[in-house]
Amino acid sequence: MFEFITEEEERGQVGIGTLIVFIAMVLVAAIAAGVLINTAGFLQSKSQETGQQSTKQVSDRLQEVVTTGNVTDGTVDKVNVTVTQAPGSGEIDLENVTITWVGPEGTFILNHENASTDVDSKFYTSFVKNAGGSPTVLNDPDDRFNIEFRLDNGDGKPDKLNEGDEVTIKINTMAGATTTIRFTVPESLDGQGGVEL
């Protein structure tokens, strides 16, 4: 009728209970460790991606070599900016570059002549020195490309420049890096066919 539990049986039950609690704690710790490892891996990959993008925003930019203007009838009707890769820059495709032209007659957003956009304002490129052989990509520190702006009063293009005019050009690469170029047209264009700006 009555069952008597001996001291050995009581100890066995306590041991089994402790074992169950221990296994549960190990499982909870394993699940928590798995979550922490996954989160750490995700954060590490995100931080690497962010670091690479930040580096590109700083380094993947263009550097001005020289800026010249073509003079016709006492006004500058073409501006040529020769550019190269900035030190430490990766390859830059000029077709993916956006240029902001801020001149005396207003601000214009210009895209490459081959870019598929509805914007009328365009810039044109040609290579001076092209080690890689690509028609629009600077992929070698020795590459030199001309960016040409054809100026016209009207037609959504920047206006021709007169003596003493000041212009700021901001060149934005696909990585988000910006190169700012400022120049002033000389005070006298008489008898000039071209000028350095």
N, C-alpha and C. Protein backbone atom coordinates (compact mmCIF):
# COMPACT_ATOMS: atom_id res chain seq x y z
N MET A 1 0.77 -1.19 0.00
CA MET A 1 0.00 0.00 0.00
C MET A 1 0.82 1.27 0.00
N PHE A 2 1.67 1.35 0.97
CA PHE A 2 2.55 2.51 1.04
C PHE A 2 3.88 2.17 0.40
N GLU A 3 4.34 3.13 -0.42
CA GLU A 3 5.67 2.95 -1.02
C GLU A 3 6.65 3.81 -0.28
N PHE A 4 7.70 3.24 0.04
CA PHE A 4 8.74 4.01 0.71
C PHE A 4 9.87 4.28 -0.30
N ILE A 5 10.23 5.57 -0.38
CA ILE A 5 11.33 5.93 -1.28
C ILE A 5 12.60 5.91 -0.47
N THR A 6 13.52 5.18 -0.95
CA THR A 6 14.79 5.10 -0.24
C THR A 6 15.63 6.32 -0.55
N GLU A 7 16.65 6.49 0.20
CA GLU A 7 17.52 7.65 0.02
C GLU A 7 18.23 7.60 -1.34
N GLU A 8 18.54 6.41 -1.84
CA GLU A 8 19.21 6.29 -3.13
C GLU A 8 18.29 6.71 -4.26
N GLU A 9 17.02 6.30 -4.18
CA GLU A 9 16.07 6.68 -5.24
C GLU A 9 15.86 8.19 -5.26
N GLU A 10 15.79 8.81 -4.09
CA GLU A 10 15.59 10.27 -4.01
C GLU A 10 16.77 10.99 -4.65
N ARG A 11 17.95 10.49 -4.38
CA ARG A 11 19.13 11.10 -4.98
C ARG A 11 19.12 10.96 -6.49
N GLY A 12 18.68 9.85 -7.02
CA GLY A 12 18.60 9.62 -8.46
C GLY A 12 17.62 10.58 -9.12
N GLN A 13 16.49 10.82 -8.48
CA GLN A 13 15.50 11.75 -9.04
C GLN A 13 16.06 13.18 -9.07
N VAL A 14 16.73 13.58 -8.01
CA VAL A 14 17.35 14.91 -7.97
C VAL A 14 18.41 15.02 -9.06
N GLY A 15 19.18 13.99 -9.27
CA GLY A 15 20.21 13.98 -10.30
C GLY A 15 19.61 14.10 -11.69
N ILE A 16 18.50 13.39 -11.96
CA ILE A 16 17.83 13.48 -13.26
C ILE A 16 17.28 14.89 -13.48
N GLY A 17 16.70 15.48 -12.45
CA GLY A 17 16.18 16.86 -12.54
C GLY A 17 17.28 17.85 -12.84
N THR A 18 18.39 17.68 -12.18
CA THR A 18 19.54 18.56 -12.42
C THR A 18 20.05 18.40 -13.84
N LEU A 19 20.09 17.15 -14.33
CA LEU A 19 20.53 16.87 -15.68
C LEU A 19 19.60 17.53 -16.71
N ILE A 20 18.31 17.46 -16.48
CA ILE A 20 17.33 18.09 -17.38
C ILE A 20 17.54 19.60 -17.41
N VAL A 21 17.69 20.21 -16.23
CA VAL A 21 17.94 21.67 -16.16
C VAL A 21 19.24 22.02 -16.88
N PHE A 22 20.28 21.21 -16.70
CA PHE A 22 21.57 21.47 -17.34
C PHE A 22 21.45 21.40 -18.87
N ILE A 23 20.75 20.37 -19.36
CA ILE A 23 20.57 20.22 -20.82
C ILE A 23 19.78 21.41 -21.37
N ALA A 24 18.75 21.83 -20.65
CA ALA A 24 17.96 23.00 -21.10
C ALA A 24 18.83 24.25 -21.16
N MET A 25 19.69 24.42 -20.16
CA MET A 25 20.58 25.60 -20.16
C MET A 25 21.57 25.54 -21.32
N VAL A 26 22.08 24.35 -21.62
CA VAL A 26 23.02 24.19 -22.73
C VAL A 26 22.32 24.51 -24.05
N LEU A 27 21.09 24.03 -24.22
CA LEU A 27 20.33 24.31 -25.45
C LEU A 27 20.07 25.80 -25.61
N VAL A 28 19.65 26.46 -24.53
CA VAL A 28 19.40 27.90 -24.59
C VAL A 28 20.69 28.65 -24.93
N ALA A 29 21.79 28.24 -24.30
CA ALA A 29 23.08 28.90 -24.58
C ALA A 29 23.51 28.66 -26.03
N ALA A 30 23.27 27.46 -26.56
CA ALA A 30 23.64 27.16 -27.95
C ALA A 30 22.82 28.00 -28.92
N ILE A 31 21.52 28.12 -28.65
CA ILE A 31 20.67 28.94 -29.52
C ILE A 31 21.10 30.40 -29.46
N ALA A 32 21.36 30.91 -28.26
CA ALA A 32 21.81 32.30 -28.11
C ALA A 32 23.14 32.52 -28.81
N ALA A 33 24.05 31.56 -28.69
CA ALA A 33 25.35 31.69 -29.36
C ALA A 33 25.18 31.70 -30.87
N GLY A 34 24.28 30.84 -31.39
CA GLY A 34 24.01 30.83 -32.82
C GLY A 34 23.48 32.16 -33.31
N VAL A 35 22.55 32.73 -32.55
CA VAL A 35 21.99 34.05 -32.92
C VAL A 35 23.08 35.11 -32.90
N LEU A 36 23.93 35.09 -31.87
CA LEU A 36 25.00 36.08 -31.76
C LEU A 36 26.01 35.93 -32.90
N ILE A 37 26.34 34.69 -33.27
CA ILE A 37 27.30 34.47 -34.35
C ILE A 37 26.73 34.95 -35.67
N ASN A 38 25.45 34.62 -35.93
CA ASN A 38 24.80 35.09 -37.16
C ASN A 38 24.76 36.61 -37.22
N THR A 39 24.40 37.23 -36.10
CA THR A 39 24.34 38.70 -36.05
C THR A 39 25.72 39.30 -36.27
N ALA A 40 26.74 38.72 -35.64
CA ALA A 40 28.10 39.24 -35.80
C ALA A 40 28.56 39.12 -37.25
N GLY A 41 28.26 37.99 -37.89
CA GLY A 41 28.63 37.81 -39.30
C GLY A 41 27.92 38.81 -40.20
N PHE A 42 26.64 39.03 -39.94
CA PHE A 42 25.86 40.00 -40.73
C PHE A 42 26.43 41.41 -40.56
N LEU A 43 26.71 41.78 -39.30
CA LEU A 43 27.26 43.12 -39.04
C LEU A 43 28.64 43.28 -39.66
N GLN A 44 29.44 42.23 -39.65
CA GLN A 44 30.77 42.31 -40.24
C GLN A 44 30.68 42.53 -41.74
N SER A 45 29.80 41.77 -42.43
CA SER A 45 29.68 41.94 -43.88
C SER A 45 29.12 43.32 -44.22
N LYS A 46 28.17 43.81 -43.41
CA LYS A 46 27.62 45.15 -43.64
C LYS A 46 28.69 46.22 -43.44
N SER A 47 29.50 46.06 -42.40
CA SER A 47 30.53 47.06 -42.14
C SER A 47 31.59 47.06 -43.24
N GLN A 48 31.92 45.88 -43.78
CA GLN A 48 32.88 45.83 -44.89
C GLN A 48 32.30 46.51 -46.12
N GLU A 49 31.03 46.25 -46.40
CA GLU A 49 30.38 46.86 -47.56
C GLU A 49 30.33 48.38 -47.41
N THR A 50 29.96 48.83 -46.21
CA THR A 50 29.91 50.27 -45.95
C THR A 50 31.29 50.89 -46.06
N GLY A 51 32.30 50.20 -45.55
CA GLY A 51 33.67 50.70 -45.64
C GLY A 51 34.14 50.83 -47.08
N GLN A 52 33.81 49.82 -47.90
CA GLN A 52 34.20 49.87 -49.31
C GLN A 52 33.50 51.02 -50.04
N GLN A 53 32.21 51.21 -49.76
CA GLN A 53 31.47 52.30 -50.40
C GLN A 53 32.03 53.65 -49.96
N SER A 54 32.34 53.78 -48.67
CA SER A 54 32.90 55.04 -48.17
C SER A 54 34.26 55.33 -48.81
N THR A 55 35.06 54.29 -48.95
CA THR A 55 36.38 54.46 -49.59
C THR A 55 36.22 54.92 -51.02
N LYS A 56 35.27 54.31 -51.75
CA LYS A 56 35.04 54.70 -53.14
C LYS A 56 34.57 56.14 -53.24
N GLN A 57 33.71 56.56 -52.29
CA GLN A 57 33.23 57.94 -52.33
C GLN A 57 34.37 58.94 -52.17
N VAL A 58 35.39 58.53 -51.45
CA VAL A 58 36.52 59.43 -51.24
C VAL A 58 37.54 59.31 -52.36
N SER A 59 37.82 58.07 -52.80
CA SER A 59 38.95 57.88 -53.72
C SER A 59 38.58 57.81 -55.19
N ASP A 60 37.40 57.29 -55.54
CA ASP A 60 37.04 57.11 -56.95
C ASP A 60 36.56 58.42 -57.55
N ARG A 61 37.50 59.32 -57.72
CA ARG A 61 37.16 60.63 -58.28
C ARG A 61 38.16 61.00 -59.36
N LEU A 62 37.80 62.04 -60.09
CA LEU A 62 38.66 62.52 -61.17
C LEU A 62 39.56 63.65 -60.67
N GLN A 63 40.64 63.87 -61.39
CA GLN A 63 41.55 64.96 -61.06
C GLN A 63 41.78 65.78 -62.33
N GLU A 64 41.67 67.09 -62.19
CA GLU A 64 41.86 67.99 -63.33
C GLU A 64 43.34 68.08 -63.69
N VAL A 65 43.63 67.99 -64.99
CA VAL A 65 44.98 68.19 -65.48
C VAL A 65 45.11 69.61 -66.01
N VAL A 66 44.21 70.01 -66.91
CA VAL A 66 44.21 71.36 -67.47
C VAL A 66 42.81 71.67 -67.99
N THR A 67 42.45 72.95 -67.96
CA THR A 67 41.17 73.41 -68.51
C THR A 67 41.45 74.51 -69.52
N THR A 68 40.91 74.34 -70.73
CA THR A 68 41.12 75.33 -71.79
C THR A 68 39.78 75.73 -72.41
N GLY A 69 39.79 76.87 -73.07
CA GLY A 69 38.59 77.34 -73.75
C GLY A 69 38.88 77.71 -75.19
N ASN A 70 37.93 77.43 -76.08
CA ASN A 70 38.02 77.81 -77.49
C ASN A 70 37.30 79.15 -77.66
N VAL A 71 37.98 80.13 -78.25
CA VAL A 71 37.42 81.47 -78.39
C VAL A 71 36.98 81.70 -79.83
N THR A 72 35.71 82.11 -79.99
CA THR A 72 35.16 82.47 -81.29
C THR A 72 34.38 83.77 -81.14
N ASP A 73 34.74 84.78 -81.96
CA ASP A 73 34.05 86.09 -81.93
C ASP A 73 33.99 86.70 -80.53
N GLY A 74 35.08 86.61 -79.81
CA GLY A 74 35.17 87.28 -78.50
C GLY A 74 34.46 86.58 -77.36
N THR A 75 33.98 85.34 -77.57
CA THR A 75 33.37 84.57 -76.48
C THR A 75 33.94 83.15 -76.49
N VAL A 76 33.88 82.51 -75.32
CA VAL A 76 34.32 81.11 -75.20
C VAL A 76 33.11 80.24 -75.54
N ASP A 77 33.23 79.46 -76.65
CA ASP A 77 32.10 78.63 -77.07
C ASP A 77 32.32 77.14 -76.81
N LYS A 78 33.52 76.77 -76.36
CA LYS A 78 33.80 75.38 -75.96
C LYS A 78 34.76 75.41 -74.79
N VAL A 79 34.54 74.54 -73.85
CA VAL A 79 35.46 74.36 -72.73
C VAL A 79 35.89 72.91 -72.71
N ASN A 80 37.20 72.68 -72.65
CA ASN A 80 37.77 71.34 -72.56
C ASN A 80 38.47 71.17 -71.22
N VAL A 81 38.03 70.17 -70.47
CA VAL A 81 38.69 69.83 -69.20
C VAL A 81 39.36 68.48 -69.38
N THR A 82 40.69 68.45 -69.27
CA THR A 82 41.42 67.19 -69.35
C THR A 82 41.51 66.62 -67.94
N VAL A 83 41.08 65.34 -67.80
CA VAL A 83 41.04 64.71 -66.48
C VAL A 83 41.80 63.40 -66.49
N THR A 84 42.18 62.97 -65.29
CA THR A 84 42.80 61.67 -65.07
C THR A 84 42.23 61.12 -63.77
N GLN A 85 42.59 59.89 -63.43
CA GLN A 85 42.18 59.31 -62.16
C GLN A 85 42.92 60.00 -61.02
N ALA A 86 42.21 60.23 -59.92
CA ALA A 86 42.88 60.72 -58.71
C ALA A 86 43.72 59.58 -58.13
N PRO A 87 44.77 59.90 -57.37
CA PRO A 87 45.59 58.83 -56.77
C PRO A 87 44.74 57.88 -55.94
N GLY A 88 44.94 56.58 -56.14
CA GLY A 88 44.20 55.57 -55.38
C GLY A 88 42.82 55.27 -55.93
N SER A 89 42.47 55.89 -57.03
CA SER A 89 41.13 55.70 -57.59
C SER A 89 41.03 54.38 -58.35
N GLY A 90 39.82 53.80 -58.34
CA GLY A 90 39.53 52.64 -59.18
C GLY A 90 39.12 53.13 -60.55
N GLU A 91 38.64 52.22 -61.39
CA GLU A 91 38.24 52.64 -62.74
C GLU A 91 36.98 53.48 -62.69
N ILE A 92 36.92 54.47 -63.58
CA ILE A 92 35.80 55.41 -63.64
C ILE A 92 35.28 55.44 -65.07
N ASP A 93 33.99 55.13 -65.22
CA ASP A 93 33.35 55.18 -66.52
C ASP A 93 32.70 56.54 -66.69
N LEU A 94 33.17 57.33 -67.65
CA LEU A 94 32.65 58.68 -67.84
C LEU A 94 31.20 58.69 -68.33
N GLU A 95 30.72 57.57 -68.86
CA GLU A 95 29.31 57.51 -69.25
C GLU A 95 28.39 57.57 -68.04
N ASN A 96 28.90 57.18 -66.87
CA ASN A 96 28.09 57.18 -65.65
C ASN A 96 28.32 58.42 -64.79
N VAL A 97 29.03 59.40 -65.31
CA VAL A 97 29.33 60.62 -64.57
C VAL A 97 28.23 61.65 -64.80
N THR A 98 27.90 62.39 -63.76
CA THR A 98 26.96 63.52 -63.87
C THR A 98 27.73 64.78 -63.53
N ILE A 99 27.53 65.83 -64.34
CA ILE A 99 28.26 67.08 -64.13
C ILE A 99 27.27 68.21 -63.88
N THR A 100 27.56 68.99 -62.85
CA THR A 100 26.78 70.19 -62.57
C THR A 100 27.61 71.39 -62.99
N TRP A 101 27.06 72.19 -63.90
CA TRP A 101 27.72 73.40 -64.42
C TRP A 101 27.02 74.60 -63.78
N VAL A 102 27.77 75.38 -63.01
CA VAL A 102 27.21 76.58 -62.39
C VAL A 102 27.93 77.78 -63.00
N GLY A 103 27.22 78.49 -63.87
CA GLY A 103 27.81 79.63 -64.57
C GLY A 103 27.04 80.91 -64.33
N PRO A 104 27.42 81.97 -65.02
CA PRO A 104 26.76 83.27 -64.80
C PRO A 104 25.29 83.27 -65.21
N GLU A 105 24.88 82.37 -66.08
CA GLU A 105 23.49 82.34 -66.55
C GLU A 105 22.65 81.27 -65.87
N GLY A 106 23.21 80.57 -64.89
CA GLY A 106 22.42 79.56 -64.17
C GLY A 106 23.14 78.25 -64.00
N THR A 107 22.37 77.26 -63.54
CA THR A 107 22.90 75.93 -63.24
C THR A 107 22.34 74.92 -64.25
N PHE A 108 23.22 74.04 -64.72
CA PHE A 108 22.83 73.02 -65.69
C PHE A 108 23.35 71.67 -65.22
N ILE A 109 22.51 70.63 -65.35
CA ILE A 109 22.93 69.27 -65.07
C ILE A 109 23.22 68.62 -66.42
N LEU A 110 24.43 68.10 -66.58
CA LEU A 110 24.84 67.51 -67.85
C LEU A 110 25.16 66.03 -67.68
N ASN A 111 24.75 65.25 -68.68
CA ASN A 111 25.05 63.82 -68.72
C ASN A 111 25.89 63.53 -69.96
N HIS A 112 26.54 62.38 -69.94
CA HIS A 112 27.36 61.98 -71.08
C HIS A 112 26.52 61.84 -72.33
N GLU A 113 27.11 62.11 -73.47
CA GLU A 113 26.39 62.04 -74.75
C GLU A 113 25.78 60.67 -75.00
N ASN A 114 26.36 59.59 -74.44
CA ASN A 114 25.82 58.24 -74.65
C ASN A 114 24.86 57.80 -73.55
N ALA A 115 24.68 58.64 -72.53
CA ALA A 115 23.80 58.26 -71.42
C ALA A 115 22.34 58.29 -71.89
N SER A 116 21.58 57.32 -71.44
CA SER A 116 20.17 57.25 -71.85
C SER A 116 19.32 58.05 -70.86
N THR A 117 19.26 59.36 -71.07
CA THR A 117 18.45 60.24 -70.22
C THR A 117 17.69 61.20 -71.11
N ASP A 118 16.71 61.85 -70.51
CA ASP A 118 15.91 62.83 -71.25
C ASP A 118 16.51 64.23 -71.18
N VAL A 119 17.65 64.35 -70.51
CA VAL A 119 18.26 65.66 -70.34
C VAL A 119 18.93 66.10 -71.64
N ASP A 120 18.63 67.33 -72.08
CA ASP A 120 19.23 67.85 -73.32
C ASP A 120 20.69 68.25 -73.13
N SER A 121 21.02 68.71 -71.93
CA SER A 121 22.39 69.18 -71.69
C SER A 121 23.33 67.99 -71.62
N LYS A 122 24.34 68.01 -72.47
CA LYS A 122 25.26 66.88 -72.54
C LYS A 122 26.71 67.37 -72.53
N PHE A 123 27.58 66.47 -72.16
CA PHE A 123 29.01 66.71 -72.33
C PHE A 123 29.55 65.59 -73.20
N TYR A 124 30.70 65.83 -73.80
CA TYR A 124 31.29 64.89 -74.76
C TYR A 124 32.68 64.52 -74.29
N THR A 125 33.11 63.32 -74.64
CA THR A 125 34.43 62.89 -74.20
C THR A 125 35.25 62.38 -75.39
N SER A 126 36.54 62.53 -75.25
CA SER A 126 37.50 61.95 -76.20
C SER A 126 38.76 61.67 -75.41
N PHE A 127 39.54 60.71 -75.86
CA PHE A 127 40.74 60.38 -75.09
C PHE A 127 41.97 61.07 -75.67
N VAL A 128 42.83 61.48 -74.76
CA VAL A 128 44.14 62.04 -75.11
C VAL A 128 45.16 60.91 -75.06
N LYS A 129 45.05 60.12 -73.99
CA LYS A 129 45.93 58.97 -73.79
C LYS A 129 45.07 57.89 -73.15
N ASN A 130 45.08 56.69 -73.76
CA ASN A 130 44.17 55.66 -73.31
C ASN A 130 44.89 54.32 -73.30
N ALA A 131 45.49 53.98 -72.16
CA ALA A 131 46.27 52.74 -72.07
C ALA A 131 45.39 51.50 -72.14
N GLY A 132 44.18 51.60 -71.58
CA GLY A 132 43.29 50.43 -71.54
C GLY A 132 42.50 50.20 -72.81
N GLY A 133 42.39 51.19 -73.67
CA GLY A 133 41.68 51.03 -74.93
C GLY A 133 40.17 51.20 -74.85
N SER A 134 39.62 51.47 -73.67
CA SER A 134 38.18 51.66 -73.55
C SER A 134 37.81 53.09 -73.94
N PRO A 135 36.72 53.30 -74.70
CA PRO A 135 36.40 54.64 -75.19
C PRO A 135 35.95 55.63 -74.12
N THR A 136 35.47 55.15 -72.96
CA THR A 136 34.99 56.10 -71.94
C THR A 136 35.45 55.77 -70.52
N VAL A 137 36.26 54.72 -70.36
CA VAL A 137 36.64 54.29 -69.01
C VAL A 137 38.10 54.62 -68.72
N LEU A 138 38.30 55.36 -67.62
CA LEU A 138 39.66 55.58 -67.12
C LEU A 138 39.98 54.41 -66.20
N ASN A 139 40.87 53.53 -66.63
CA ASN A 139 41.20 52.37 -65.81
C ASN A 139 42.71 52.21 -65.61
N ASP A 140 43.44 53.26 -65.93
CA ASP A 140 44.88 53.24 -65.76
C ASP A 140 45.32 54.63 -65.29
N PRO A 141 46.24 54.71 -64.34
CA PRO A 141 46.67 56.04 -63.85
C PRO A 141 47.23 56.93 -64.94
N ASP A 142 47.63 56.33 -66.07
CA ASP A 142 48.21 57.09 -67.17
C ASP A 142 47.16 57.62 -68.15
N ASP A 143 45.91 57.19 -68.01
CA ASP A 143 44.84 57.63 -68.92
C ASP A 143 44.56 59.12 -68.77
N ARG A 144 44.30 59.76 -69.91
CA ARG A 144 43.89 61.18 -69.94
C ARG A 144 42.70 61.30 -70.89
N PHE A 145 41.62 61.88 -70.42
CA PHE A 145 40.44 62.08 -71.24
C PHE A 145 40.06 63.55 -71.25
N ASN A 146 39.54 64.01 -72.38
CA ASN A 146 38.98 65.36 -72.48
C ASN A 146 37.49 65.29 -72.23
N ILE A 147 37.00 66.16 -71.37
CA ILE A 147 35.56 66.37 -71.22
C ILE A 147 35.25 67.70 -71.90
N GLU A 148 34.41 67.65 -72.92
CA GLU A 148 34.13 68.85 -73.72
C GLU A 148 32.71 69.36 -73.45
N PHE A 149 32.63 70.66 -73.20
CA PHE A 149 31.34 71.33 -73.02
C PHE A 149 31.13 72.26 -74.21
N ARG A 150 30.07 72.01 -74.96
CA ARG A 150 29.74 72.86 -76.11
C ARG A 150 28.72 73.89 -75.65
N LEU A 151 29.15 75.14 -75.65
CA LEU A 151 28.33 76.21 -75.08
C LEU A 151 27.51 76.89 -76.18
N ASP A 152 26.28 77.25 -75.82
CA ASP A 152 25.40 77.91 -76.77
C ASP A 152 24.37 78.68 -75.98
N ASN A 153 24.01 79.84 -76.45
CA ASN A 153 22.98 80.61 -75.77
C ASN A 153 21.62 80.03 -76.13
N GLY A 154 21.07 79.24 -75.23
CA GLY A 154 19.79 78.58 -75.48
C GLY A 154 19.94 77.10 -75.64
N ASP A 155 18.89 76.42 -76.06
CA ASP A 155 18.84 74.97 -76.30
C ASP A 155 19.17 74.15 -75.06
N GLY A 156 18.93 74.69 -73.87
CA GLY A 156 19.17 73.93 -72.65
C GLY A 156 20.63 73.68 -72.34
N LYS A 157 21.53 74.38 -73.04
CA LYS A 157 22.96 74.21 -72.81
C LYS A 157 23.48 75.41 -72.02
N PRO A 158 24.63 75.23 -71.36
CA PRO A 158 25.25 76.40 -70.73
C PRO A 158 25.56 77.46 -71.78
N ASP A 159 25.44 78.73 -71.38
CA ASP A 159 25.68 79.84 -72.30
C ASP A 159 27.16 80.05 -72.58
N LYS A 160 27.43 80.65 -73.73
CA LYS A 160 28.81 81.04 -74.06
C LYS A 160 29.32 81.97 -72.97
N LEU A 161 30.63 81.93 -72.78
CA LEU A 161 31.23 82.70 -71.69
C LEU A 161 31.88 83.97 -72.23
N ASN A 162 31.70 85.03 -71.47
CA ASN A 162 32.28 86.32 -71.81
C ASN A 162 33.49 86.59 -70.93
N GLU A 163 34.19 87.65 -71.24
CA GLU A 163 35.38 88.03 -70.47
C GLU A 163 35.02 88.21 -68.99
N GLY A 164 35.84 87.61 -68.13
CA GLY A 164 35.66 87.77 -66.68
C GLY A 164 34.62 86.85 -66.05
N ASP A 165 33.91 86.04 -66.85
CA ASP A 165 32.90 85.13 -66.28
C ASP A 165 33.55 84.06 -65.42
N GLU A 166 32.85 83.68 -64.35
CA GLU A 166 33.34 82.63 -63.44
C GLU A 166 32.41 81.43 -63.52
N VAL A 167 33.01 80.24 -63.51
CA VAL A 167 32.25 78.99 -63.62
C VAL A 167 32.77 77.99 -62.59
N THR A 168 31.83 77.24 -62.02
CA THR A 168 32.17 76.11 -61.15
C THR A 168 31.59 74.85 -61.78
N ILE A 169 32.42 73.83 -61.92
CA ILE A 169 31.99 72.54 -62.45
C ILE A 169 32.17 71.50 -61.34
N LYS A 170 31.10 70.74 -61.09
CA LYS A 170 31.18 69.66 -60.11
C LYS A 170 30.95 68.34 -60.85
N ILE A 171 31.96 67.48 -60.82
CA ILE A 171 31.91 66.20 -61.51
C ILE A 171 31.65 65.11 -60.47
N ASN A 172 30.51 64.43 -60.60
CA ASN A 172 30.13 63.37 -59.66
C ASN A 172 30.24 62.01 -60.34
N THR A 173 31.07 61.13 -59.78
CA THR A 173 31.22 59.79 -60.33
C THR A 173 30.10 58.89 -59.81
N MET A 174 29.99 57.71 -60.39
CA MET A 174 28.95 56.77 -59.99
C MET A 174 29.11 56.36 -58.52
N ALA A 175 30.33 56.35 -58.01
CA ALA A 175 30.58 55.98 -56.61
C ALA A 175 30.16 57.08 -55.65
N GLY A 176 29.89 58.28 -56.16
CA GLY A 176 29.47 59.39 -55.31
C GLY A 176 30.57 60.37 -54.98
N ALA A 177 31.76 60.17 -55.52
CA ALA A 177 32.86 61.10 -55.28
C ALA A 177 32.69 62.35 -56.14
N THR A 178 33.05 63.50 -55.61
CA THR A 178 32.88 64.77 -56.32
C THR A 178 34.21 65.46 -56.51
N THR A 179 34.42 65.96 -57.72
CA THR A 179 35.58 66.80 -58.04
C THR A 179 35.05 68.17 -58.41
N THR A 180 35.55 69.21 -57.76
CA THR A 180 35.11 70.58 -58.05
C THR A 180 36.21 71.33 -58.79
N ILE A 181 35.83 71.93 -59.92
CA ILE A 181 36.77 72.71 -60.73
C ILE A 181 36.20 74.10 -60.88
N ARG A 182 37.01 75.11 -60.55
CA ARG A 182 36.58 76.51 -60.69
C ARG A 182 37.53 77.20 -61.65
N PHE A 183 36.97 78.03 -62.52
CA PHE A 183 37.83 78.81 -63.42
C PHE A 183 37.17 80.13 -63.75
N THR A 184 38.02 81.07 -64.19
CA THR A 184 37.57 82.40 -64.59
C THR A 184 38.10 82.68 -65.98
N VAL A 185 37.22 83.18 -66.83
CA VAL A 185 37.63 83.56 -68.18
C VAL A 185 38.52 84.80 -68.08
N PRO A 186 39.62 84.87 -68.84
CA PRO A 186 40.49 86.06 -68.79
C PRO A 186 39.73 87.34 -69.11
N GLU A 187 40.26 88.46 -68.61
CA GLU A 187 39.60 89.76 -68.78
C GLU A 187 39.64 90.24 -70.23
N SER A 188 40.54 89.71 -71.02
CA SER A 188 40.59 90.10 -72.43
C SER A 188 40.71 88.86 -73.32
N LEU A 189 39.78 88.76 -74.29
CA LEU A 189 39.81 87.67 -75.24
C LEU A 189 40.15 88.13 -76.65
N ASP A 190 40.48 89.42 -76.79
CA ASP A 190 40.75 89.98 -78.11
C ASP A 190 41.92 89.27 -78.79
N GLY A 191 41.70 88.85 -80.00
CA GLY A 191 42.77 88.23 -80.79
C GLY A 191 43.14 86.83 -80.34
N GLN A 192 42.38 86.25 -79.42
CA GLN A 192 42.69 84.92 -78.91
C GLN A 192 41.89 83.87 -79.67
N GLY A 193 42.52 82.74 -79.94
CA GLY A 193 41.80 81.60 -80.51
C GLY A 193 41.48 80.56 -79.44
N GLY A 194 42.30 80.56 -78.41
CA GLY A 194 42.10 79.65 -77.26
C GLY A 194 42.79 80.22 -76.04
N VAL A 195 42.26 79.86 -74.87
CA VAL A 195 42.83 80.37 -73.61
C VAL A 195 42.85 79.25 -72.58
N GLU A 196 43.80 79.36 -71.68
CA GLU A 196 43.79 78.45 -70.54
C GLU A 196 42.92 79.06 -69.46
N LEU A 197 42.04 78.28 -68.90
CA LEU A 197 41.09 78.80 -67.91
C LEU A 197 41.50 78.39 -66.51
